[in-house]
Amino acid sequence: MITIALSKGRIFQETLPLLAAAGITPNEDPEKSRKLIIGTNKPDVRLIIIRATDVPTYVQHGAADLGIAGKDVLIEHGGEGLYQPLDLKIARCKMMVAAHPAFDYEQAVRQGARLRVATKYLNTAREYFSAKGVHVDLIKLYGSMELAPLVKLADVIVDLVSSGSTLKANGLVSVAEIMDISSRLVVNQASLKLKRAEIQPLLDTFELAIK
């Protein structure tokens, strides 16, 4: 049995064409089903539907053989015990720093400055500002990030930005781009050795599909 870990929403929808290229069709739509384990048209392939942030953990510990996770999630996880053979070029967005237009970001990030940063991407934010010589007080939030600068909880936020419409709706502006984000295929290292005959054709098919 090959188990593939996916999360609901955009990643799942953009993964469907890749699965189809490999001849795999889910038996149910996870957006409509409450099931966490979904079978496919192939009796030896199943999908498990979990939170995006949990995908690397399930794959690392062998509960799933493969998974698809955003680069943002993998950076926060650390990527230990994972083989990351492919950038699938799906679910693209950018990791950005955003602030209220009245906040003088350029002045604030001068060498040796101290900044209050609200984010759920603590490792990413820490590394980015450390490289700039900026001291940061990190405030971990899980959602509604745009609220933090508006109520003076933080000076800036670090978050994923796709269209930018949410920032605009809340009166914030992007002030710096940290990196491009897309989703990666991750594989359990032991599974790749023990189930190579089953997994390698999937890797080859996905690689052809993204080209």
N, C-alpha and C. Protein backbone atom coordinates (compact mmCIF):
# COMPACT_ATOMS: atom_id res chain seq x y z
N MET A 1 0.84 -1.20 0.00
CA MET A 1 0.00 0.00 0.00
C MET A 1 0.87 1.25 0.00
N ILE A 2 0.58 2.17 -0.91
CA ILE A 2 1.25 3.46 -0.94
C ILE A 2 0.28 4.50 -0.37
N THR A 3 0.73 5.22 0.64
CA THR A 3 -0.09 6.24 1.29
C THR A 3 0.46 7.62 0.96
N ILE A 4 -0.41 8.49 0.45
CA ILE A 4 -0.02 9.85 0.07
C ILE A 4 -0.76 10.83 0.97
N ALA A 5 -0.01 11.70 1.64
CA ALA A 5 -0.59 12.70 2.55
C ALA A 5 -0.85 14.01 1.82
N LEU A 6 -2.08 14.48 1.90
CA LEU A 6 -2.47 15.74 1.26
C LEU A 6 -3.29 16.58 2.23
N SER A 7 -3.37 17.87 1.95
CA SER A 7 -4.24 18.74 2.73
C SER A 7 -5.37 19.24 1.84
N LYS A 8 -6.47 19.61 2.46
CA LYS A 8 -7.62 20.11 1.72
C LYS A 8 -7.31 21.45 1.07
N GLY A 9 -8.20 21.86 0.17
CA GLY A 9 -8.09 23.19 -0.41
C GLY A 9 -7.24 23.25 -1.67
N ARG A 10 -6.49 24.34 -1.78
CA ARG A 10 -5.78 24.64 -3.02
C ARG A 10 -4.78 23.55 -3.40
N ILE A 11 -4.02 23.06 -2.41
CA ILE A 11 -3.02 22.03 -2.72
C ILE A 11 -3.69 20.78 -3.26
N PHE A 12 -4.78 20.36 -2.63
CA PHE A 12 -5.47 19.15 -3.11
C PHE A 12 -5.96 19.35 -4.54
N GLN A 13 -6.61 20.47 -4.81
CA GLN A 13 -7.17 20.71 -6.14
C GLN A 13 -6.07 20.76 -7.21
N GLU A 14 -4.94 21.38 -6.89
CA GLU A 14 -3.88 21.49 -7.87
C GLU A 14 -3.04 20.22 -7.98
N THR A 15 -3.24 19.30 -7.03
CA THR A 15 -2.58 18.00 -7.10
C THR A 15 -3.34 17.02 -7.98
N LEU A 16 -4.65 17.22 -8.13
CA LEU A 16 -5.49 16.28 -8.88
C LEU A 16 -4.96 15.99 -10.29
N PRO A 17 -4.53 17.02 -11.06
CA PRO A 17 -3.99 16.72 -12.39
C PRO A 17 -2.73 15.86 -12.36
N LEU A 18 -1.91 16.04 -11.32
CA LEU A 18 -0.70 15.23 -11.19
C LEU A 18 -1.07 13.78 -10.88
N LEU A 19 -2.03 13.60 -10.00
CA LEU A 19 -2.50 12.24 -9.70
C LEU A 19 -3.11 11.60 -10.94
N ALA A 20 -3.88 12.39 -11.69
CA ALA A 20 -4.51 11.86 -12.91
C ALA A 20 -3.46 11.41 -13.92
N ALA A 21 -2.36 12.17 -13.99
CA ALA A 21 -1.29 11.80 -14.91
C ALA A 21 -0.69 10.45 -14.54
N ALA A 22 -0.76 10.13 -13.24
CA ALA A 22 -0.26 8.84 -12.77
C ALA A 22 -1.35 7.79 -12.75
N GLY A 23 -2.53 8.15 -13.29
CA GLY A 23 -3.64 7.20 -13.35
C GLY A 23 -4.35 6.99 -12.03
N ILE A 24 -4.22 7.96 -11.13
CA ILE A 24 -4.83 7.85 -9.80
C ILE A 24 -6.00 8.82 -9.67
N THR A 25 -7.16 8.29 -9.31
CA THR A 25 -8.35 9.11 -9.12
C THR A 25 -8.93 8.85 -7.73
N PRO A 26 -9.09 9.89 -6.89
CA PRO A 26 -9.69 9.69 -5.56
C PRO A 26 -11.13 9.21 -5.69
N ASN A 27 -11.54 8.36 -4.77
CA ASN A 27 -12.91 7.85 -4.78
C ASN A 27 -13.91 8.88 -4.25
N GLU A 28 -13.41 9.86 -3.49
CA GLU A 28 -14.28 10.87 -2.90
C GLU A 28 -13.58 12.23 -2.90
N ASP A 29 -14.40 13.28 -2.81
CA ASP A 29 -13.89 14.64 -2.69
C ASP A 29 -13.76 14.96 -1.20
N PRO A 30 -12.53 15.23 -0.72
CA PRO A 30 -12.37 15.50 0.72
C PRO A 30 -13.11 16.74 1.20
N GLU A 31 -13.43 17.66 0.29
CA GLU A 31 -14.18 18.85 0.68
C GLU A 31 -15.63 18.50 1.02
N LYS A 32 -16.10 17.37 0.51
CA LYS A 32 -17.48 16.96 0.74
C LYS A 32 -17.58 15.78 1.70
N SER A 33 -16.49 15.04 1.85
CA SER A 33 -16.49 13.87 2.71
C SER A 33 -15.85 14.19 4.05
N ARG A 34 -16.28 13.51 5.10
CA ARG A 34 -15.68 13.67 6.42
C ARG A 34 -14.59 12.64 6.67
N LYS A 35 -14.38 11.77 5.71
CA LYS A 35 -13.37 10.74 5.86
C LYS A 35 -11.96 11.33 5.81
N LEU A 36 -11.08 10.77 6.62
CA LEU A 36 -9.69 11.21 6.64
C LEU A 36 -8.80 10.29 5.81
N ILE A 37 -9.29 9.10 5.52
CA ILE A 37 -8.59 8.16 4.63
C ILE A 37 -9.48 7.93 3.43
N ILE A 38 -8.97 8.28 2.26
CA ILE A 38 -9.76 8.18 1.04
C ILE A 38 -9.10 7.20 0.07
N GLY A 39 -9.87 6.24 -0.38
CA GLY A 39 -9.34 5.28 -1.34
C GLY A 39 -9.27 5.88 -2.73
N THR A 40 -8.62 5.18 -3.62
CA THR A 40 -8.52 5.62 -5.01
C THR A 40 -8.93 4.48 -5.93
N ASN A 41 -8.88 4.75 -7.23
CA ASN A 41 -9.20 3.70 -8.20
C ASN A 41 -8.15 2.61 -8.22
N LYS A 42 -7.01 2.86 -7.59
CA LYS A 42 -5.96 1.84 -7.47
C LYS A 42 -6.01 1.24 -6.07
N PRO A 43 -6.22 -0.06 -5.95
CA PRO A 43 -6.38 -0.67 -4.63
C PRO A 43 -5.15 -0.56 -3.74
N ASP A 44 -3.98 -0.29 -4.34
CA ASP A 44 -2.74 -0.21 -3.56
C ASP A 44 -2.30 1.24 -3.30
N VAL A 45 -3.19 2.21 -3.57
CA VAL A 45 -2.87 3.62 -3.31
C VAL A 45 -4.03 4.25 -2.54
N ARG A 46 -3.71 4.90 -1.43
CA ARG A 46 -4.73 5.61 -0.66
C ARG A 46 -4.22 7.00 -0.31
N LEU A 47 -5.17 7.90 -0.02
CA LEU A 47 -4.83 9.27 0.37
C LEU A 47 -5.24 9.47 1.82
N ILE A 48 -4.42 10.19 2.57
CA ILE A 48 -4.86 10.61 3.90
C ILE A 48 -4.94 12.14 3.88
N ILE A 49 -6.01 12.66 4.44
CA ILE A 49 -6.29 14.10 4.40
C ILE A 49 -6.01 14.69 5.78
N ILE A 50 -4.98 15.54 5.87
CA ILE A 50 -4.55 16.08 7.15
C ILE A 50 -4.25 17.58 7.00
N ARG A 51 -3.98 18.23 8.11
CA ARG A 51 -3.61 19.64 8.07
C ARG A 51 -2.29 19.80 7.31
N ALA A 52 -2.18 20.88 6.56
CA ALA A 52 -0.97 21.11 5.76
C ALA A 52 0.29 21.07 6.63
N THR A 53 0.21 21.63 7.83
CA THR A 53 1.39 21.68 8.70
C THR A 53 1.80 20.31 9.22
N ASP A 54 0.89 19.33 9.15
CA ASP A 54 1.20 17.98 9.65
C ASP A 54 1.78 17.06 8.58
N VAL A 55 1.70 17.45 7.32
CA VAL A 55 2.16 16.57 6.24
C VAL A 55 3.61 16.12 6.43
N PRO A 56 4.56 17.03 6.68
CA PRO A 56 5.94 16.57 6.84
C PRO A 56 6.12 15.59 8.00
N THR A 57 5.37 15.78 9.07
CA THR A 57 5.48 14.90 10.25
C THR A 57 5.00 13.49 9.92
N TYR A 58 3.87 13.38 9.23
CA TYR A 58 3.35 12.07 8.85
C TYR A 58 4.33 11.34 7.93
N VAL A 59 4.92 12.08 6.99
CA VAL A 59 5.87 11.46 6.06
C VAL A 59 7.17 11.12 6.77
N GLN A 60 7.66 12.00 7.60
CA GLN A 60 8.91 11.76 8.32
C GLN A 60 8.85 10.48 9.14
N HIS A 61 7.72 10.26 9.81
CA HIS A 61 7.60 9.10 10.70
C HIS A 61 7.04 7.86 10.02
N GLY A 62 6.83 7.93 8.70
CA GLY A 62 6.43 6.75 7.96
C GLY A 62 4.95 6.43 7.96
N ALA A 63 4.13 7.32 8.53
CA ALA A 63 2.68 7.10 8.49
C ALA A 63 2.16 7.33 7.07
N ALA A 64 2.91 8.09 6.28
CA ALA A 64 2.62 8.27 4.86
C ALA A 64 3.94 8.07 4.12
N ASP A 65 3.85 7.49 2.93
CA ASP A 65 5.05 7.27 2.13
C ASP A 65 5.47 8.53 1.39
N LEU A 66 4.47 9.26 0.92
CA LEU A 66 4.70 10.51 0.20
C LEU A 66 3.74 11.57 0.72
N GLY A 67 4.07 12.82 0.44
CA GLY A 67 3.17 13.90 0.80
C GLY A 67 3.47 15.11 -0.06
N ILE A 68 2.56 16.05 -0.03
CA ILE A 68 2.77 17.31 -0.75
C ILE A 68 2.59 18.44 0.25
N ALA A 69 3.64 19.27 0.36
CA ALA A 69 3.63 20.34 1.35
C ALA A 69 4.28 21.58 0.78
N GLY A 70 3.83 22.74 1.23
CA GLY A 70 4.41 23.99 0.78
C GLY A 70 5.82 24.18 1.33
N LYS A 71 6.62 24.92 0.60
CA LYS A 71 7.97 25.22 1.04
C LYS A 71 7.96 25.91 2.39
N ASP A 72 6.94 26.75 2.63
CA ASP A 72 6.82 27.43 3.92
C ASP A 72 6.69 26.45 5.07
N VAL A 73 5.88 25.41 4.88
CA VAL A 73 5.68 24.39 5.91
C VAL A 73 6.96 23.59 6.13
N LEU A 74 7.65 23.26 5.05
CA LEU A 74 8.87 22.47 5.16
C LEU A 74 9.99 23.22 5.87
N ILE A 75 10.08 24.52 5.63
CA ILE A 75 11.10 25.33 6.31
C ILE A 75 10.83 25.34 7.82
N GLU A 76 9.58 25.49 8.20
CA GLU A 76 9.23 25.51 9.62
C GLU A 76 9.46 24.14 10.26
N HIS A 77 9.18 23.08 9.50
CA HIS A 77 9.35 21.72 10.02
C HIS A 77 10.82 21.37 10.17
N GLY A 78 11.63 21.84 9.23
CA GLY A 78 13.06 21.53 9.26
C GLY A 78 13.47 20.51 8.21
N GLY A 79 12.50 19.70 7.73
CA GLY A 79 12.78 18.76 6.65
C GLY A 79 13.56 17.52 7.05
N GLU A 80 13.71 17.27 8.36
CA GLU A 80 14.49 16.11 8.79
C GLU A 80 13.82 14.81 8.38
N GLY A 81 14.63 13.88 7.89
CA GLY A 81 14.12 12.56 7.51
C GLY A 81 13.30 12.55 6.25
N LEU A 82 13.33 13.64 5.49
CA LEU A 82 12.52 13.73 4.28
C LEU A 82 13.39 13.86 3.04
N TYR A 83 13.01 13.16 2.00
CA TYR A 83 13.61 13.33 0.69
C TYR A 83 12.68 14.27 -0.08
N GLN A 84 13.22 15.33 -0.67
CA GLN A 84 12.41 16.32 -1.37
C GLN A 84 12.83 16.36 -2.84
N PRO A 85 12.34 15.41 -3.63
CA PRO A 85 12.84 15.28 -5.00
C PRO A 85 12.30 16.29 -6.00
N LEU A 86 11.10 16.85 -5.75
CA LEU A 86 10.47 17.67 -6.79
C LEU A 86 9.80 18.92 -6.25
N ASP A 87 10.04 20.03 -6.93
CA ASP A 87 9.21 21.21 -6.76
C ASP A 87 8.07 21.05 -7.76
N LEU A 88 6.86 20.86 -7.25
CA LEU A 88 5.72 20.59 -8.12
C LEU A 88 5.18 21.85 -8.80
N LYS A 89 5.66 23.01 -8.38
CA LYS A 89 5.28 24.29 -9.00
C LYS A 89 3.77 24.55 -8.92
N ILE A 90 3.16 24.09 -7.83
CA ILE A 90 1.73 24.35 -7.61
C ILE A 90 1.56 25.16 -6.32
N ALA A 91 0.35 25.71 -6.15
CA ALA A 91 0.03 26.52 -4.96
C ALA A 91 1.07 27.61 -4.75
N ARG A 92 1.38 28.33 -5.81
CA ARG A 92 2.42 29.36 -5.74
C ARG A 92 1.94 30.63 -5.04
N CYS A 93 2.84 31.23 -4.28
CA CYS A 93 2.59 32.50 -3.63
C CYS A 93 3.94 33.06 -3.18
N LYS A 94 3.92 34.10 -2.36
CA LYS A 94 5.16 34.69 -1.90
C LYS A 94 5.11 34.88 -0.38
N MET A 95 6.26 34.70 0.25
CA MET A 95 6.38 35.03 1.67
C MET A 95 6.82 36.49 1.74
N MET A 96 6.01 37.31 2.40
CA MET A 96 6.23 38.75 2.39
C MET A 96 6.26 39.33 3.81
N VAL A 97 6.89 40.49 3.90
CA VAL A 97 6.76 41.32 5.10
C VAL A 97 5.75 42.41 4.76
N ALA A 98 4.79 42.63 5.64
CA ALA A 98 3.77 43.67 5.39
C ALA A 98 3.62 44.53 6.63
N ALA A 99 3.21 45.78 6.39
CA ALA A 99 3.06 46.73 7.49
C ALA A 99 1.99 47.76 7.13
N HIS A 100 1.65 48.58 8.10
CA HIS A 100 0.75 49.72 7.83
C HIS A 100 1.54 50.76 7.04
N PRO A 101 0.91 51.43 6.08
CA PRO A 101 1.64 52.41 5.25
C PRO A 101 2.31 53.52 6.06
N ALA A 102 1.78 53.79 7.23
CA ALA A 102 2.35 54.86 8.05
C ALA A 102 3.63 54.43 8.77
N PHE A 103 3.90 53.13 8.78
CA PHE A 103 5.09 52.62 9.48
C PHE A 103 6.30 52.73 8.56
N ASP A 104 7.36 53.39 9.02
CA ASP A 104 8.58 53.58 8.22
C ASP A 104 9.46 52.34 8.33
N TYR A 105 9.18 51.37 7.48
CA TYR A 105 9.88 50.09 7.54
C TYR A 105 11.38 50.24 7.24
N GLU A 106 11.71 51.00 6.23
CA GLU A 106 13.11 51.16 5.83
C GLU A 106 13.95 51.73 6.97
N GLN A 107 13.40 52.68 7.69
CA GLN A 107 14.11 53.25 8.83
C GLN A 107 14.19 52.23 9.97
N ALA A 108 13.11 51.46 10.13
CA ALA A 108 13.03 50.52 11.25
C ALA A 108 14.01 49.37 11.13
N VAL A 109 14.35 48.98 9.91
CA VAL A 109 15.24 47.82 9.73
C VAL A 109 16.71 48.23 9.57
N ARG A 110 17.03 49.45 9.94
CA ARG A 110 18.44 49.83 9.88
C ARG A 110 19.23 48.89 10.80
N GLN A 111 20.48 48.72 10.52
CA GLN A 111 21.32 47.78 11.27
C GLN A 111 21.20 47.99 12.77
N GLY A 112 20.92 46.91 13.48
CA GLY A 112 20.85 46.97 14.93
C GLY A 112 19.49 47.35 15.48
N ALA A 113 18.50 47.58 14.60
CA ALA A 113 17.18 47.97 15.07
C ALA A 113 16.46 46.79 15.73
N ARG A 114 15.38 47.09 16.43
CA ARG A 114 14.56 46.04 17.03
C ARG A 114 13.13 46.16 16.50
N LEU A 115 12.56 45.02 16.13
CA LEU A 115 11.27 45.02 15.45
C LEU A 115 10.36 43.98 16.09
N ARG A 116 9.08 44.32 16.23
CA ARG A 116 8.09 43.34 16.69
C ARG A 116 7.42 42.73 15.46
N VAL A 117 7.52 41.41 15.34
CA VAL A 117 7.05 40.71 14.15
C VAL A 117 6.02 39.65 14.53
N ALA A 118 4.83 39.76 13.97
CA ALA A 118 3.78 38.77 14.19
C ALA A 118 3.76 37.80 13.01
N THR A 119 3.76 36.50 13.31
CA THR A 119 3.79 35.50 12.24
C THR A 119 3.57 34.11 12.81
N LYS A 120 3.21 33.17 11.96
CA LYS A 120 3.26 31.77 12.38
C LYS A 120 4.49 31.10 11.80
N TYR A 121 5.26 31.85 10.98
CA TYR A 121 6.48 31.32 10.36
C TYR A 121 7.69 31.82 11.13
N LEU A 122 7.87 31.31 12.32
CA LEU A 122 8.90 31.82 13.22
C LEU A 122 10.31 31.61 12.68
N ASN A 123 10.61 30.41 12.18
CA ASN A 123 11.95 30.12 11.67
C ASN A 123 12.29 31.01 10.47
N THR A 124 11.33 31.15 9.57
CA THR A 124 11.54 31.97 8.37
C THR A 124 11.81 33.42 8.75
N ALA A 125 10.98 33.95 9.64
CA ALA A 125 11.14 35.35 10.05
C ALA A 125 12.45 35.56 10.80
N ARG A 126 12.78 34.63 11.69
CA ARG A 126 14.01 34.76 12.47
C ARG A 126 15.24 34.78 11.56
N GLU A 127 15.28 33.86 10.60
CA GLU A 127 16.43 33.78 9.70
C GLU A 127 16.52 35.00 8.78
N TYR A 128 15.38 35.46 8.30
CA TYR A 128 15.37 36.59 7.38
C TYR A 128 15.90 37.86 8.06
N PHE A 129 15.36 38.17 9.24
CA PHE A 129 15.77 39.40 9.90
C PHE A 129 17.17 39.28 10.51
N SER A 130 17.54 38.08 10.92
CA SER A 130 18.89 37.87 11.44
C SER A 130 19.93 38.18 10.37
N ALA A 131 19.64 37.76 9.13
CA ALA A 131 20.57 38.01 8.02
C ALA A 131 20.72 39.50 7.75
N LYS A 132 19.72 40.28 8.15
CA LYS A 132 19.77 41.72 7.95
C LYS A 132 20.33 42.45 9.17
N GLY A 133 20.68 41.67 10.21
CA GLY A 133 21.19 42.29 11.42
C GLY A 133 20.14 42.98 12.24
N VAL A 134 18.89 42.57 12.07
CA VAL A 134 17.77 43.19 12.79
C VAL A 134 17.33 42.29 13.94
N HIS A 135 17.25 42.84 15.13
CA HIS A 135 16.76 42.09 16.28
C HIS A 135 15.23 42.08 16.23
N VAL A 136 14.65 40.90 16.48
CA VAL A 136 13.19 40.82 16.41
C VAL A 136 12.60 40.19 17.66
N ASP A 137 11.45 40.69 18.04
CA ASP A 137 10.62 40.05 19.05
C ASP A 137 9.51 39.37 18.28
N LEU A 138 9.53 38.04 18.27
CA LEU A 138 8.57 37.27 17.48
C LEU A 138 7.31 37.00 18.28
N ILE A 139 6.18 37.25 17.67
CA ILE A 139 4.88 37.01 18.29
C ILE A 139 4.16 35.98 17.43
N LYS A 140 3.93 34.79 17.98
CA LYS A 140 3.32 33.73 17.18
C LYS A 140 1.81 33.86 17.15
N LEU A 141 1.29 33.94 15.93
CA LEU A 141 -0.15 33.95 15.70
C LEU A 141 -0.50 32.84 14.73
N TYR A 142 -1.73 32.35 14.80
CA TYR A 142 -2.14 31.27 13.91
C TYR A 142 -3.08 31.73 12.81
N GLY A 143 -3.57 32.95 12.91
CA GLY A 143 -4.49 33.44 11.90
C GLY A 143 -4.78 34.92 12.11
N SER A 144 -5.56 35.50 11.20
CA SER A 144 -5.91 36.93 11.25
C SER A 144 -4.68 37.80 11.47
N MET A 145 -3.62 37.44 10.75
CA MET A 145 -2.32 38.11 10.91
C MET A 145 -2.42 39.61 10.67
N GLU A 146 -3.27 40.00 9.71
CA GLU A 146 -3.35 41.40 9.30
C GLU A 146 -3.81 42.33 10.43
N LEU A 147 -4.43 41.75 11.43
CA LEU A 147 -4.94 42.55 12.55
C LEU A 147 -3.80 43.09 13.42
N ALA A 148 -2.70 42.37 13.50
CA ALA A 148 -1.63 42.69 14.46
C ALA A 148 -1.10 44.12 14.32
N PRO A 149 -0.75 44.61 13.12
CA PRO A 149 -0.26 45.99 13.04
C PRO A 149 -1.37 47.02 13.31
N LEU A 150 -2.60 46.65 13.02
CA LEU A 150 -3.71 47.60 13.18
C LEU A 150 -4.01 47.90 14.64
N VAL A 151 -3.75 46.93 15.52
CA VAL A 151 -4.03 47.13 16.95
C VAL A 151 -2.73 47.28 17.74
N LYS A 152 -1.62 47.53 17.01
CA LYS A 152 -0.30 47.79 17.63
C LYS A 152 0.27 46.59 18.37
N LEU A 153 -0.19 45.39 18.02
CA LEU A 153 0.41 44.19 18.60
C LEU A 153 1.82 44.00 18.04
N ALA A 154 2.00 44.35 16.76
CA ALA A 154 3.29 44.17 16.11
C ALA A 154 3.54 45.32 15.14
N ASP A 155 4.82 45.50 14.79
CA ASP A 155 5.17 46.52 13.80
C ASP A 155 4.89 46.02 12.39
N VAL A 156 5.23 44.74 12.16
CA VAL A 156 5.05 44.15 10.84
C VAL A 156 4.56 42.71 10.99
N ILE A 157 4.11 42.13 9.90
CA ILE A 157 3.78 40.71 9.87
C ILE A 157 4.61 40.03 8.80
N VAL A 158 4.82 38.76 8.96
CA VAL A 158 5.41 37.92 7.92
C VAL A 158 4.38 36.85 7.60
N ASP A 159 3.94 36.83 6.33
CA ASP A 159 2.86 35.92 5.97
C ASP A 159 2.92 35.62 4.47
N LEU A 160 2.15 34.61 4.08
CA LEU A 160 2.02 34.28 2.66
C LEU A 160 1.08 35.27 1.99
N VAL A 161 1.46 35.68 0.80
CA VAL A 161 0.62 36.60 0.03
C VAL A 161 0.42 36.02 -1.35
N SER A 162 -0.83 35.92 -1.76
CA SER A 162 -1.13 35.41 -3.10
C SER A 162 -1.53 36.58 -3.99
N SER A 163 -2.76 37.02 -3.89
CA SER A 163 -3.21 38.15 -4.72
C SER A 163 -2.94 39.50 -4.05
N GLY A 164 -2.79 39.50 -2.74
CA GLY A 164 -2.60 40.74 -2.02
C GLY A 164 -3.91 41.42 -1.62
N SER A 165 -5.03 40.81 -1.98
CA SER A 165 -6.32 41.44 -1.71
C SER A 165 -6.63 41.53 -0.22
N THR A 166 -6.20 40.53 0.57
CA THR A 166 -6.47 40.57 2.01
C THR A 166 -5.69 41.69 2.67
N LEU A 167 -4.42 41.86 2.26
CA LEU A 167 -3.64 42.98 2.78
C LEU A 167 -4.33 44.31 2.46
N LYS A 168 -4.71 44.45 1.20
CA LYS A 168 -5.33 45.70 0.75
C LYS A 168 -6.62 45.98 1.51
N ALA A 169 -7.43 44.94 1.71
CA ALA A 169 -8.71 45.11 2.40
C ALA A 169 -8.53 45.57 3.84
N ASN A 170 -7.37 45.25 4.42
CA ASN A 170 -7.10 45.62 5.80
C ASN A 170 -6.13 46.79 5.92
N GLY A 171 -5.88 47.47 4.80
CA GLY A 171 -5.09 48.68 4.83
C GLY A 171 -3.61 48.48 5.04
N LEU A 172 -3.09 47.28 4.71
CA LEU A 172 -1.66 47.02 4.84
C LEU A 172 -1.00 47.00 3.46
N VAL A 173 0.32 47.15 3.45
CA VAL A 173 1.07 47.09 2.19
C VAL A 173 2.27 46.15 2.37
N SER A 174 2.67 45.51 1.29
CA SER A 174 3.88 44.69 1.31
C SER A 174 5.09 45.61 1.31
N VAL A 175 6.05 45.33 2.19
CA VAL A 175 7.24 46.19 2.27
C VAL A 175 8.52 45.44 1.91
N ALA A 176 8.46 44.11 1.86
CA ALA A 176 9.65 43.32 1.48
C ALA A 176 9.22 41.92 1.09
N GLU A 177 9.90 41.39 0.09
CA GLU A 177 9.66 40.01 -0.33
C GLU A 177 10.75 39.11 0.24
N ILE A 178 10.34 38.04 0.92
CA ILE A 178 11.32 37.13 1.52
C ILE A 178 11.68 36.01 0.55
N MET A 179 10.68 35.36 -0.03
CA MET A 179 10.96 34.26 -0.96
C MET A 179 9.70 33.85 -1.72
N ASP A 180 9.92 33.18 -2.85
CA ASP A 180 8.83 32.54 -3.58
C ASP A 180 8.50 31.22 -2.90
N ILE A 181 7.22 30.90 -2.86
CA ILE A 181 6.76 29.66 -2.23
C ILE A 181 5.99 28.83 -3.25
N SER A 182 6.23 27.53 -3.24
CA SER A 182 5.42 26.59 -4.02
C SER A 182 5.41 25.28 -3.25
N SER A 183 4.64 24.31 -3.72
CA SER A 183 4.54 23.05 -3.00
C SER A 183 5.53 22.01 -3.53
N ARG A 184 6.06 21.23 -2.61
CA ARG A 184 7.04 20.21 -2.91
C ARG A 184 6.50 18.81 -2.66
N LEU A 185 7.04 17.86 -3.40
CA LEU A 185 6.77 16.45 -3.11
C LEU A 185 7.80 16.00 -2.09
N VAL A 186 7.34 15.39 -1.01
CA VAL A 186 8.26 14.86 0.00
C VAL A 186 8.04 13.36 0.12
N VAL A 187 9.13 12.63 0.35
CA VAL A 187 9.08 11.18 0.39
C VAL A 187 9.80 10.68 1.64
N ASN A 188 9.22 9.71 2.30
CA ASN A 188 9.87 9.06 3.43
C ASN A 188 11.09 8.29 2.94
N GLN A 189 12.24 8.51 3.55
CA GLN A 189 13.47 7.92 3.05
C GLN A 189 13.45 6.39 3.10
N ALA A 190 12.89 5.83 4.17
CA ALA A 190 12.81 4.37 4.27
C ALA A 190 11.86 3.80 3.22
N SER A 191 10.73 4.49 2.99
CA SER A 191 9.77 4.04 1.98
C SER A 191 10.40 4.00 0.59
N LEU A 192 11.24 5.01 0.31
CA LEU A 192 11.87 5.07 -1.01
C LEU A 192 12.77 3.86 -1.23
N LYS A 193 13.40 3.37 -0.17
CA LYS A 193 14.26 2.20 -0.29
C LYS A 193 13.44 0.91 -0.38
N LEU A 194 12.44 0.80 0.50
CA LEU A 194 11.67 -0.44 0.61
C LEU A 194 10.60 -0.59 -0.47
N LYS A 195 10.09 0.55 -0.97
CA LYS A 195 9.00 0.51 -1.96
C LYS A 195 9.38 1.23 -3.25
N ARG A 196 10.67 1.19 -3.58
CA ARG A 196 11.14 1.94 -4.75
C ARG A 196 10.41 1.54 -6.03
N ALA A 197 10.13 0.26 -6.19
CA ALA A 197 9.47 -0.22 -7.41
C ALA A 197 8.09 0.42 -7.59
N GLU A 198 7.42 0.72 -6.47
CA GLU A 198 6.10 1.34 -6.55
C GLU A 198 6.18 2.87 -6.59
N ILE A 199 7.15 3.44 -5.87
CA ILE A 199 7.23 4.88 -5.72
C ILE A 199 7.92 5.56 -6.90
N GLN A 200 8.98 4.96 -7.43
CA GLN A 200 9.75 5.61 -8.49
C GLN A 200 8.90 5.95 -9.72
N PRO A 201 8.01 5.06 -10.17
CA PRO A 201 7.15 5.43 -11.31
C PRO A 201 6.29 6.66 -11.03
N LEU A 202 5.84 6.83 -9.77
CA LEU A 202 5.07 8.03 -9.40
C LEU A 202 5.94 9.28 -9.52
N LEU A 203 7.16 9.19 -9.03
CA LEU A 203 8.08 10.32 -9.11
C LEU A 203 8.33 10.70 -10.56
N ASP A 204 8.56 9.68 -11.41
CA ASP A 204 8.84 9.94 -12.81
C ASP A 204 7.65 10.58 -13.50
N THR A 205 6.43 10.09 -13.18
CA THR A 205 5.21 10.62 -13.79
C THR A 205 4.98 12.07 -13.36
N PHE A 206 5.16 12.35 -12.07
CA PHE A 206 4.99 13.72 -11.58
C PHE A 206 6.00 14.66 -12.24
N GLU A 207 7.22 14.20 -12.38
CA GLU A 207 8.25 15.04 -13.01
C GLU A 207 7.89 15.39 -14.44
N LEU A 208 7.38 14.41 -15.17
CA LEU A 208 6.96 14.66 -16.56
C LEU A 208 5.76 15.61 -16.60
N ALA A 209 4.84 15.42 -15.67
CA ALA A 209 3.62 16.23 -15.65
C ALA A 209 3.92 17.70 -15.39
N ILE A 210 4.87 18.00 -14.50
CA ILE A 210 5.15 19.40 -14.19
C ILE A 210 5.97 20.07 -15.28
N LYS A 211 6.57 19.27 -16.15
CA LYS A 211 7.30 19.85 -17.28
C LYS A 211 6.36 20.23 -18.42
